Amino acid sequence: MTTDTFSNVTLATQANVYFDGRCVSHSFTLADGTKKSVGVVLPATLTFSTGAPETMECVGGACEYRLMDSDGWRTSSVGEKFSIPGNSSFEIRVADAYHYICHFG
């Protein structure tokens, strides 16, 4: 099941823009203090680093990803999630727009 909406959030109106605009997201906080972001990755191959563990939930489009120290690429499409350990990195390949929710922690 794909997450469509969040209620009762505090939204940061300033966008997070990465890789010359190839990834744009907005951060928000739920009423219970949980932090998340929603965004889009445009066609590109990018490498992201993590501080805290993250789970990427695909809500539109698709991507291929490869976790640090992994040889193989995997696919994530609508309704699927993948997790990245803290203090790590992952590569992401996007052919069309990949819409996501990033769950932190």
PDB file of N, CA and C in Angstrom:
ATOM      1  N   MET A   1       0.843  -1.178   0.000  1.00  0.00           N
ATOM      2  CA  MET A   1       0.000   0.000   0.000  1.00  0.00           C
ATOM      3  C   MET A   1       0.890   1.245   0.000  1.00  0.00           C
ATOM      4  N   THR A   2       0.554   2.200  -0.822  1.00  0.00           N
ATOM      5  CA  THR A   2       1.331   3.429  -0.954  1.00  0.00           C
ATOM      6  C   THR A   2       0.745   4.523  -0.080  1.00  0.00           C
ATOM      7  N   THR A   3       1.606   5.281   0.581  1.00  0.00           N
ATOM      8  CA  THR A   3       1.175   6.421   1.387  1.00  0.00           C
ATOM      9  C   THR A   3       0.791   7.556   0.454  1.00  0.00           C
ATOM     10  N   ASP A   4      -0.441   8.051   0.569  1.00  0.00           N
ATOM     11  CA  ASP A   4      -0.919   9.130  -0.300  1.00  0.00           C
ATOM     12  C   ASP A   4      -0.875  10.494   0.364  1.00  0.00           C
ATOM     13  N   THR A   5      -1.168  10.565   1.668  1.00  0.00           N
ATOM     14  CA  THR A   5      -1.228  11.849   2.364  1.00  0.00           C
ATOM     15  C   THR A   5      -0.744  11.690   3.805  1.00  0.00           C
ATOM     16  N   PHE A   6      -0.383  12.829   4.387  1.00  0.00           N
ATOM     17  CA  PHE A   6      -0.072  12.926   5.810  1.00  0.00           C
ATOM     18  C   PHE A   6      -0.914  14.049   6.373  1.00  0.00           C
ATOM     19  N   SER A   7      -1.463  13.865   7.564  1.00  0.00           N
ATOM     20  CA  SER A   7      -2.249  14.906   8.224  1.00  0.00           C
ATOM     21  C   SER A   7      -1.459  15.476   9.398  1.00  0.00           C
ATOM     22  N   ASN A   8      -1.817  16.686   9.798  1.00  0.00           N
ATOM     23  CA  ASN A   8      -1.248  17.320  10.994  1.00  0.00           C
ATOM     24  C   ASN A   8       0.278  17.341  10.978  1.00  0.00           C
ATOM     25  N   VAL A   9       0.832  17.995   9.971  1.00  0.00           N
ATOM     26  CA  VAL A   9       2.289  18.075   9.848  1.00  0.00           C
ATOM     27  C   VAL A   9       2.751  19.522   9.934  1.00  0.00           C
ATOM     28  N   THR A  10       4.013  19.687  10.303  1.00  0.00           N
ATOM     29  CA  THR A  10       4.687  20.974  10.222  1.00  0.00           C
ATOM     30  C   THR A  10       5.642  20.862   9.048  1.00  0.00           C
ATOM     31  N   LEU A  11       5.431  21.685   8.043  1.00  0.00           N
ATOM     32  CA  LEU A  11       6.165  21.595   6.787  1.00  0.00           C
ATOM     33  C   LEU A  11       7.200  22.699   6.682  1.00  0.00           C
ATOM     34  N   ALA A  12       8.415  22.342   6.297  1.00  0.00           N
ATOM     35  CA  ALA A  12       9.448  23.334   5.991  1.00  0.00           C
ATOM     36  C   ALA A  12       9.200  23.823   4.571  1.00  0.00           C
ATOM     37  N   THR A  13       8.942  25.104   4.406  1.00  0.00           N
ATOM     38  CA  THR A  13       8.586  25.623   3.087  1.00  0.00           C
ATOM     39  C   THR A  13       9.783  25.789   2.165  1.00  0.00           C
ATOM     40  N   GLN A  14      10.981  25.837   2.724  1.00  0.00           N
ATOM     41  CA  GLN A  14      12.188  25.936   1.902  1.00  0.00           C
ATOM     42  C   GLN A  14      12.535  24.544   1.369  1.00  0.00           C
ATOM     43  N   ALA A  15      12.658  24.411   0.057  1.00  0.00           N
ATOM     44  CA  ALA A  15      12.979  23.124  -0.548  1.00  0.00           C
ATOM     45  C   ALA A  15      14.433  22.743  -0.291  1.00  0.00           C
ATOM     46  N   ASN A  16      14.672  21.441  -0.193  1.00  0.00           N
ATOM     47  CA  ASN A  16      16.028  20.888  -0.166  1.00  0.00           C
ATOM     48  C   ASN A  16      16.370  20.559  -1.620  1.00  0.00           C
ATOM     49  N   VAL A  17      17.357  21.208  -2.178  1.00  0.00           N
ATOM     50  CA  VAL A  17      17.722  21.015  -3.580  1.00  0.00           C
ATOM     51  C   VAL A  17      19.124  20.412  -3.634  1.00  0.00           C
ATOM     52  N   TYR A  18      19.226  19.255  -4.258  1.00  0.00           N
ATOM     53  CA  TYR A  18      20.491  18.535  -4.347  1.00  0.00           C
ATOM     54  C   TYR A  18      20.861  18.297  -5.807  1.00  0.00           C
ATOM     55  N   PHE A  19      22.150  18.133  -6.052  1.00  0.00           N
ATOM     56  CA  PHE A  19      22.642  17.741  -7.376  1.00  0.00           C
ATOM     57  C   PHE A  19      22.091  18.637  -8.490  1.00  0.00           C
ATOM     58  N   ASP A  20      22.270  19.948  -8.305  1.00  0.00           N
ATOM     59  CA  ASP A  20      21.855  20.931  -9.324  1.00  0.00           C
ATOM     60  C   ASP A  20      20.384  20.787  -9.717  1.00  0.00           C
ATOM     61  N   GLY A  21      19.539  20.459  -8.746  1.00  0.00           N
ATOM     62  CA  GLY A  21      18.101  20.373  -8.992  1.00  0.00           C
ATOM     63  C   GLY A  21      17.615  19.025  -9.478  1.00  0.00           C
ATOM     64  N   ARG A  22      18.480  18.038  -9.548  1.00  0.00           N
ATOM     65  CA  ARG A  22      18.038  16.708  -9.988  1.00  0.00           C
ATOM     66  C   ARG A  22      17.319  15.962  -8.881  1.00  0.00           C
ATOM     67  N   CYS A  23      17.404  16.459  -7.642  1.00  0.00           N
ATOM     68  CA  CYS A  23      16.642  15.920  -6.514  1.00  0.00           C
ATOM     69  C   CYS A  23      16.143  17.101  -5.690  1.00  0.00           C
ATOM     70  N   VAL A  24      14.836  17.154  -5.493  1.00  0.00           N
ATOM     71  CA  VAL A  24      14.226  18.233  -4.716  1.00  0.00           C
ATOM     72  C   VAL A  24      13.253  17.603  -3.723  1.00  0.00           C
ATOM     73  N   SER A  25      13.348  18.032  -2.460  1.00  0.00           N
ATOM     74  CA  SER A  25      12.444  17.489  -1.445  1.00  0.00           C
ATOM     75  C   SER A  25      12.012  18.580  -0.478  1.00  0.00           C
ATOM     76  N   HIS A  26      10.987  18.261   0.307  1.00  0.00           N
ATOM     77  CA  HIS A  26      10.530  19.118   1.400  1.00  0.00           C
ATOM     78  C   HIS A  26      10.503  18.276   2.669  1.00  0.00           C
ATOM     79  N   SER A  27      11.042  18.814   3.740  1.00  0.00           N
ATOM     80  CA  SER A  27      11.045  18.141   5.043  1.00  0.00           C
ATOM     81  C   SER A  27       9.786  18.497   5.807  1.00  0.00           C
ATOM     82  N   PHE A  28       9.311  17.549   6.601  1.00  0.00           N
ATOM     83  CA  PHE A  28       8.171  17.817   7.461  1.00  0.00           C
ATOM     84  C   PHE A  28       8.266  16.971   8.716  1.00  0.00           C
ATOM     85  N   THR A  29       7.526  17.395   9.744  1.00  0.00           N
ATOM     86  CA  THR A  29       7.510  16.713  11.030  1.00  0.00           C
ATOM     87  C   THR A  29       6.070  16.371  11.380  1.00  0.00           C
ATOM     88  N   LEU A  30       5.845  15.117  11.755  1.00  0.00           N
ATOM     89  CA  LEU A  30       4.518  14.683  12.187  1.00  0.00           C
ATOM     90  C   LEU A  30       4.249  15.181  13.603  1.00  0.00           C
ATOM     91  N   ALA A  31       2.999  15.113  14.029  1.00  0.00           N
ATOM     92  CA  ALA A  31       2.603  15.585  15.356  1.00  0.00           C
ATOM     93  C   ALA A  31       3.373  14.875  16.469  1.00  0.00           C
ATOM     94  N   ASP A  32       3.785  13.617  16.243  1.00  0.00           N
ATOM     95  CA  ASP A  32       4.521  12.869  17.269  1.00  0.00           C
ATOM     96  C   ASP A  32       6.027  13.143  17.241  1.00  0.00           C
ATOM     97  N   GLY A  33       6.478  14.056  16.351  1.00  0.00           N
ATOM     98  CA  GLY A  33       7.885  14.423  16.276  1.00  0.00           C
ATOM     99  C   GLY A  33       8.680  13.656  15.227  1.00  0.00           C
ATOM    100  N   THR A  34       8.066  12.686  14.568  1.00  0.00           N
ATOM    101  CA  THR A  34       8.736  11.911  13.527  1.00  0.00           C
ATOM    102  C   THR A  34       9.052  12.807  12.335  1.00  0.00           C
ATOM    103  N   LYS A  35      10.295  12.729  11.848  1.00  0.00           N
ATOM    104  CA  LYS A  35      10.722  13.553  10.717  1.00  0.00           C
ATOM    105  C   LYS A  35      10.758  12.721   9.440  1.00  0.00           C
ATOM    106  N   LYS A  36      10.303  13.344   8.346  1.00  0.00           N
ATOM    107  CA  LYS A  36      10.263  12.702   7.031  1.00  0.00           C
ATOM    108  C   LYS A  36      10.525  13.761   5.971  1.00  0.00           C
ATOM    109  N   SER A  37      10.692  13.319   4.751  1.00  0.00           N
ATOM    110  CA  SER A  37      10.719  14.242   3.622  1.00  0.00           C
ATOM    111  C   SER A  37      10.023  13.576   2.447  1.00  0.00           C
ATOM    112  N   VAL A  38       9.486  14.393   1.562  1.00  0.00           N
ATOM    113  CA  VAL A  38       8.897  13.920   0.314  1.00  0.00           C
ATOM    114  C   VAL A  38       9.589  14.653  -0.820  1.00  0.00           C
ATOM    115  N   GLY A  39       9.809  13.933  -1.914  1.00  0.00           N
ATOM    116  CA  GLY A  39      10.513  14.591  -3.003  1.00  0.00           C
ATOM    117  C   GLY A  39      10.475  13.807  -4.287  1.00  0.00           C
ATOM    118  N   VAL A  40      11.294  14.291  -5.216  1.00  0.00           N
ATOM    119  CA  VAL A  40      11.389  13.678  -6.540  1.00  0.00           C
ATOM    120  C   VAL A  40      12.851  13.690  -6.976  1.00  0.00           C
ATOM    121  N   VAL A  41      13.258  12.591  -7.593  1.00  0.00           N
ATOM    122  CA  VAL A  41      14.562  12.511  -8.244  1.00  0.00           C
ATOM    123  C   VAL A  41      14.285  12.461  -9.738  1.00  0.00           C
ATOM    124  N   LEU A  42      14.875  13.397 -10.465  1.00  0.00           N
ATOM    125  CA  LEU A  42      14.716  13.450 -11.912  1.00  0.00           C
ATOM    126  C   LEU A  42      15.762  12.550 -12.563  1.00  0.00           C
ATOM    127  N   PRO A  43      15.620  12.252 -13.855  1.00  0.00           N
ATOM    128  CA  PRO A  43      16.542  11.321 -14.506  1.00  0.00           C
ATOM    129  C   PRO A  43      18.009  11.653 -14.246  1.00  0.00           C
ATOM    130  N   ALA A  44      18.723  10.676 -13.656  1.00  0.00           N
ATOM    131  CA  ALA A  44      20.129  10.855 -13.298  1.00  0.00           C
ATOM    132  C   ALA A  44      20.617   9.583 -12.625  1.00  0.00           C
ATOM    133  N   THR A  45      21.927   9.517 -12.412  1.00  0.00           N
ATOM    134  CA  THR A  45      22.544   8.531 -11.531  1.00  0.00           C
ATOM    135  C   THR A  45      23.267   9.324 -10.460  1.00  0.00           C
ATOM    136  N   LEU A  46      22.853   9.149  -9.195  1.00  0.00           N
ATOM    137  CA  LEU A  46      23.343   9.968  -8.085  1.00  0.00           C
ATOM    138  C   LEU A  46      23.801   9.085  -6.933  1.00  0.00           C
ATOM    139  N   THR A  47      24.677   9.627  -6.095  1.00  0.00           N
ATOM    140  CA  THR A  47      25.111   8.933  -4.883  1.00  0.00           C
ATOM    141  C   THR A  47      24.743   9.780  -3.676  1.00  0.00           C
ATOM    142  N   PHE A  48      24.002   9.196  -2.748  1.00  0.00           N
ATOM    143  CA  PHE A  48      23.582   9.862  -1.519  1.00  0.00           C
ATOM    144  C   PHE A  48      24.291   9.233  -0.331  1.00  0.00           C
ATOM    145  N   SER A  49      24.640  10.048   0.641  1.00  0.00           N
ATOM    146  CA  SER A  49      25.187   9.575   1.915  1.00  0.00           C
ATOM    147  C   SER A  49      24.124   9.718   2.989  1.00  0.00           C
ATOM    148  N   THR A  50      24.156   8.814   3.977  1.00  0.00           N
ATOM    149  CA  THR A  50      23.197   8.879   5.074  1.00  0.00           C
ATOM    150  C   THR A  50      23.930   9.103   6.390  1.00  0.00           C
ATOM    151  N   GLY A  51      23.282   9.836   7.287  1.00  0.00           N
ATOM    152  CA  GLY A  51      23.753   9.946   8.662  1.00  0.00           C
ATOM    153  C   GLY A  51      22.985   8.930   9.489  1.00  0.00           C
ATOM    154  N   ALA A  52      21.679   9.133   9.564  1.00  0.00           N
ATOM    155  CA  ALA A  52      20.782   8.205  10.260  1.00  0.00           C
ATOM    156  C   ALA A  52      20.260   7.182   9.246  1.00  0.00           C
ATOM    157  N   PRO A  53      19.757   6.044   9.721  1.00  0.00           N
ATOM    158  CA  PRO A  53      19.122   5.085   8.807  1.00  0.00           C
ATOM    159  C   PRO A  53      17.938   5.736   8.098  1.00  0.00           C
ATOM    160  N   GLU A  54      17.692   5.329   6.861  1.00  0.00           N
ATOM    161  CA  GLU A  54      16.588   5.863   6.064  1.00  0.00           C
ATOM    162  C   GLU A  54      15.866   4.715   5.372  1.00  0.00           C
ATOM    163  N   THR A  55      14.575   4.912   5.155  1.00  0.00           N
ATOM    164  CA  THR A  55      13.796   4.008   4.323  1.00  0.00           C
ATOM    165  C   THR A  55      13.158   4.847   3.225  1.00  0.00           C
ATOM    166  N   MET A  56      13.393   4.447   1.992  1.00  0.00           N
ATOM    167  CA  MET A  56      12.835   5.139   0.833  1.00  0.00           C
ATOM    168  C   MET A  56      11.589   4.392   0.382  1.00  0.00           C
ATOM    169  N   GLU A  57      10.470   5.114   0.323  1.00  0.00           N
ATOM    170  CA  GLU A  57       9.195   4.549  -0.119  1.00  0.00           C
ATOM    171  C   GLU A  57       8.844   5.170  -1.461  1.00  0.00           C
ATOM    172  N   CYS A  58       8.674   4.349  -2.480  1.00  0.00           N
ATOM    173  CA  CYS A  58       8.323   4.842  -3.814  1.00  0.00           C
ATOM    174  C   CYS A  58       6.813   5.090  -3.903  1.00  0.00           C
ATOM    175  N   VAL A  59       6.444   6.323  -4.242  1.00  0.00           N
ATOM    176  CA  VAL A  59       5.028   6.668  -4.393  1.00  0.00           C
ATOM    177  C   VAL A  59       4.683   7.044  -5.829  1.00  0.00           C
ATOM    178  N   GLY A  60       5.679   7.032  -6.722  1.00  0.00           N
ATOM    179  CA  GLY A  60       5.456   7.299  -8.137  1.00  0.00           C
ATOM    180  C   GLY A  60       6.727   7.039  -8.923  1.00  0.00           C
ATOM    181  N   GLY A  61       6.575   6.471 -10.113  1.00  0.00           N
ATOM    182  CA  GLY A  61       7.740   6.175 -10.930  1.00  0.00           C
ATOM    183  C   GLY A  61       8.472   4.948 -10.433  1.00  0.00           C
ATOM    184  N   ALA A  62       9.770   4.909 -10.686  1.00  0.00           N
ATOM    185  CA  ALA A  62      10.601   3.774 -10.276  1.00  0.00           C
ATOM    186  C   ALA A  62      12.058   4.202 -10.290  1.00  0.00           C
ATOM    187  N   CYS A  63      12.899   3.380  -9.661  1.00  0.00           N
ATOM    188  CA  CYS A  63      14.339   3.624  -9.672  1.00  0.00           C
ATOM    189  C   CYS A  63      15.065   2.300  -9.572  1.00  0.00           C
ATOM    190  N   GLU A  64      16.345   2.349  -9.828  1.00  0.00           N
ATOM    191  CA  GLU A  64      17.246   1.269  -9.490  1.00  0.00           C
ATOM    192  C   GLU A  64      18.166   1.817  -8.419  1.00  0.00           C
ATOM    193  N   TYR A  65      18.548   0.983  -7.462  1.00  0.00           N
ATOM    194  CA  TYR A  65      19.425   1.440  -6.393  1.00  0.00           C
ATOM    195  C   TYR A  65      20.455   0.368  -6.075  1.00  0.00           C
ATOM    196  N   ARG A  66      21.578   0.830  -5.536  1.00  0.00           N
ATOM    197  CA  ARG A  66      22.641  -0.073  -5.102  1.00  0.00           C
ATOM    198  C   ARG A  66      23.185   0.458  -3.785  1.00  0.00           C
ATOM    199  N   LEU A  67      23.077  -0.361  -2.751  1.00  0.00           N
ATOM    200  CA  LEU A  67      23.583   0.017  -1.437  1.00  0.00           C
ATOM    201  C   LEU A  67      25.107  -0.072  -1.421  1.00  0.00           C
ATOM    202  N   MET A  68      25.740   0.711  -0.549  1.00  0.00           N
ATOM    203  CA  MET A  68      27.183   0.657  -0.380  1.00  0.00           C
ATOM    204  C   MET A  68      27.609  -0.789  -0.117  1.00  0.00           C
ATOM    205  N   ASP A  69      28.710  -1.197  -0.706  1.00  0.00           N
ATOM    206  CA  ASP A  69      29.263  -2.547  -0.557  1.00  0.00           C
ATOM    207  C   ASP A  69      28.414  -3.634  -1.207  1.00  0.00           C
ATOM    208  N   SER A  70      27.481  -3.244  -2.087  1.00  0.00           N
ATOM    209  CA  SER A  70      26.677  -4.217  -2.807  1.00  0.00           C
ATOM    210  C   SER A  70      27.090  -4.197  -4.276  1.00  0.00           C
ATOM    211  N   ASP A  71      27.150  -5.365  -4.887  1.00  0.00           N
ATOM    212  CA  ASP A  71      27.528  -5.437  -6.295  1.00  0.00           C
ATOM    213  C   ASP A  71      26.347  -5.237  -7.232  1.00  0.00           C
ATOM    214  N   GLY A  72      25.154  -5.602  -6.776  1.00  0.00           N
ATOM    215  CA  GLY A  72      24.017  -5.617  -7.682  1.00  0.00           C
ATOM    216  C   GLY A  72      23.061  -4.450  -7.529  1.00  0.00           C
ATOM    217  N   TRP A  73      22.439  -4.095  -8.637  1.00  0.00           N
ATOM    218  CA  TRP A  73      21.383  -3.086  -8.652  1.00  0.00           C
ATOM    219  C   TRP A  73      20.052  -3.781  -8.411  1.00  0.00           C
ATOM    220  N   ARG A  74      19.170  -3.122  -7.666  1.00  0.00           N
ATOM    221  CA  ARG A  74      17.811  -3.616  -7.421  1.00  0.00           C
ATOM    222  C   ARG A  74      16.824  -2.554  -7.882  1.00  0.00           C
ATOM    223  N   THR A  75      15.604  -2.966  -8.137  1.00  0.00           N
ATOM    224  CA  THR A  75      14.568  -2.055  -8.610  1.00  0.00           C
ATOM    225  C   THR A  75      13.568  -1.772  -7.499  1.00  0.00           C
ATOM    226  N   SER A  76      13.094  -0.537  -7.434  1.00  0.00           N
ATOM    227  CA  SER A  76      12.026  -0.151  -6.511  1.00  0.00           C
ATOM    228  C   SER A  76      10.989   0.624  -7.310  1.00  0.00           C
ATOM    229  N   SER A  77       9.743   0.179  -7.221  1.00  0.00           N
ATOM    230  CA  SER A  77       8.655   0.862  -7.924  1.00  0.00           C
ATOM    231  C   SER A  77       7.523   1.157  -6.945  1.00  0.00           C
ATOM    232  N   VAL A  78       6.436   1.700  -7.449  1.00  0.00           N
ATOM    233  CA  VAL A  78       5.332   2.174  -6.616  1.00  0.00           C
ATOM    234  C   VAL A  78       4.908   1.105  -5.602  1.00  0.00           C
ATOM    235  N   GLY A  79       4.843   1.521  -4.331  1.00  0.00           N
ATOM    236  CA  GLY A  79       4.434   0.644  -3.251  1.00  0.00           C
ATOM    237  C   GLY A  79       5.578  -0.122  -2.610  1.00  0.00           C
ATOM    238  N   GLU A  80       6.782   0.006  -3.155  1.00  0.00           N
ATOM    239  CA  GLU A  80       7.927  -0.714  -2.606  1.00  0.00           C
ATOM    240  C   GLU A  80       8.819   0.224  -1.807  1.00  0.00           C
ATOM    241  N   LYS A  81       9.576  -0.365  -0.873  1.00  0.00           N
ATOM    242  CA  LYS A  81      10.485   0.390  -0.010  1.00  0.00           C
ATOM    243  C   LYS A  81      11.848  -0.278  -0.022  1.00  0.00           C
ATOM    244  N   PHE A  82      12.884   0.509   0.263  1.00  0.00           N
ATOM    245  CA  PHE A  82      14.197  -0.069   0.539  1.00  0.00           C
ATOM    246  C   PHE A  82      14.845   0.735   1.651  1.00  0.00           C
ATOM    247  N   SER A  83      15.679   0.055   2.432  1.00  0.00           N
ATOM    248  CA  SER A  83      16.287   0.669   3.613  1.00  0.00           C
ATOM    249  C   SER A  83      17.793   0.816   3.437  1.00  0.00           C
ATOM    250  N   ILE A  84      18.310   1.924   3.961  1.00  0.00           N
ATOM    251  CA  ILE A  84      19.721   2.238   3.910  1.00  0.00           C
ATOM    252  C   ILE A  84      20.203   2.403   5.350  1.00  0.00           C
ATOM    253  N   PRO A  85      21.291   1.725   5.725  1.00  0.00           N
ATOM    254  CA  PRO A  85      21.816   1.892   7.082  1.00  0.00           C
ATOM    255  C   PRO A  85      22.337   3.304   7.317  1.00  0.00           C
ATOM    256  N   GLY A  86      22.449   3.690   8.578  1.00  0.00           N
ATOM    257  CA  GLY A  86      23.060   4.962   8.931  1.00  0.00           C
ATOM    258  C   GLY A  86      24.545   4.966   8.609  1.00  0.00           C
ATOM    259  N   ASN A  87      25.099   6.147   8.428  1.00  0.00           N
ATOM    260  CA  ASN A  87      26.522   6.307   8.118  1.00  0.00           C
ATOM    261  C   ASN A  87      26.934   5.423   6.947  1.00  0.00           C
ATOM    262  N   SER A  88      26.158   5.494   5.878  1.00  0.00           N
ATOM    263  CA  SER A  88      26.356   4.658   4.712  1.00  0.00           C
ATOM    264  C   SER A  88      26.125   5.505   3.460  1.00  0.00           C
ATOM    265  N   SER A  89      25.945   4.839   2.339  1.00  0.00           N
ATOM    266  CA  SER A  89      25.604   5.543   1.102  1.00  0.00           C
ATOM    267  C   SER A  89      24.885   4.587   0.172  1.00  0.00           C
ATOM    268  N   PHE A  90      24.259   5.172  -0.839  1.00  0.00           N
ATOM    269  CA  PHE A  90      23.628   4.368  -1.881  1.00  0.00           C
ATOM    270  C   PHE A  90      23.629   5.154  -3.180  1.00  0.00           C
ATOM    271  N   GLU A  91      23.641   4.409  -4.271  1.00  0.00           N
ATOM    272  CA  GLU A  91      23.506   5.010  -5.588  1.00  0.00           C
ATOM    273  C   GLU A  91      22.077   4.800  -6.051  1.00  0.00           C
ATOM    274  N   ILE A  92      21.573   5.743  -6.812  1.00  0.00           N
ATOM    275  CA  ILE A  92      20.233   5.628  -7.361  1.00  0.00           C
ATOM    276  C   ILE A  92      20.286   6.017  -8.828  1.00  0.00           C
ATOM    277  N   ARG A  93      19.630   5.201  -9.662  1.00  0.00           N
ATOM    278  CA  ARG A  93      19.518   5.459 -11.105  1.00  0.00           C
ATOM    279  C   ARG A  93      18.053   5.647 -11.425  1.00  0.00           C
ATOM    280  N   VAL A  94      17.754   6.754 -12.075  1.00  0.00           N
ATOM    281  CA  VAL A  94      16.364   7.081 -12.395  1.00  0.00           C
ATOM    282  C   VAL A  94      16.270   7.383 -13.888  1.00  0.00           C
ATOM    283  N   ALA A  95      15.354   6.699 -14.574  1.00  0.00           N
ATOM    284  CA  ALA A  95      15.135   6.942 -16.003  1.00  0.00           C
ATOM    285  C   ALA A  95      14.040   7.987 -16.212  1.00  0.00           C
ATOM    286  N   ASP A  96      12.992   7.931 -15.396  1.00  0.00           N
ATOM    287  CA  ASP A  96      11.912   8.918 -15.387  1.00  0.00           C
ATOM    288  C   ASP A  96      11.854   9.449 -13.961  1.00  0.00           C
ATOM    289  N   ALA A  97      10.939  10.310 -13.651  1.00  0.00           N
ATOM    290  CA  ALA A  97      10.850  10.862 -12.295  1.00  0.00           C
ATOM    291  C   ALA A  97      10.515   9.767 -11.279  1.00  0.00           C
ATOM    292  N   TYR A  98      11.251   9.769 -10.156  1.00  0.00           N
ATOM    293  CA  TYR A  98      11.030   8.853  -9.036  1.00  0.00           C
ATOM    294  C   TYR A  98      10.527   9.690  -7.866  1.00  0.00           C
ATOM    295  N   HIS A  99       9.274   9.493  -7.465  1.00  0.00           N
ATOM    296  CA  HIS A  99       8.667  10.232  -6.358  1.00  0.00           C
ATOM    297  C   HIS A  99       8.765   9.374  -5.103  1.00  0.00           C
ATOM    298  N   TYR A 100       9.179   9.992  -3.998  1.00  0.00           N
ATOM    299  CA  TYR A 100       9.453   9.195  -2.801  1.00  0.00           C
ATOM    300  C   TYR A 100       9.058   9.903  -1.526  1.00  0.00           C
ATOM    301  N   ILE A 101       8.941   9.082  -0.483  1.00  0.00           N
ATOM    302  CA  ILE A 101       8.890   9.548   0.911  1.00  0.00           C
ATOM    303  C   ILE A 101      10.126   8.961   1.567  1.00  0.00           C
ATOM    304  N   CYS A 102      10.896   9.790   2.241  1.00  0.00           N
ATOM    305  CA  CYS A 102      12.059   9.320   2.990  1.00  0.00           C
ATOM    306  C   CYS A 102      11.671   9.292   4.464  1.00  0.00           C
ATOM    307  N   HIS A 103      11.704   8.094   5.042  1.00  0.00           N
ATOM    308  CA  HIS A 103      11.411   7.892   6.456  1.00  0.00           C
ATOM    309  C   HIS A 103      12.749   7.810   7.185  1.00  0.00           C
ATOM    310  N   PHE A 104      12.985   8.702   8.135  1.00  0.00           N
ATOM    311  CA  PHE A 104      14.258   8.738   8.864  1.00  0.00           C
ATOM    312  C   PHE A 104      14.173   7.925  10.143  1.00  0.00           C
ATOM    313  N   GLY A 105      15.298   7.266  10.492  1.00  0.00           N
ATOM    314  CA  GLY A 105      15.373   6.548  11.754  1.00  0.00           C
ATOM    315  C   GLY A 105      15.052   5.102  11.667  1.00  0.00           C
TER     316      GLY A 105
END
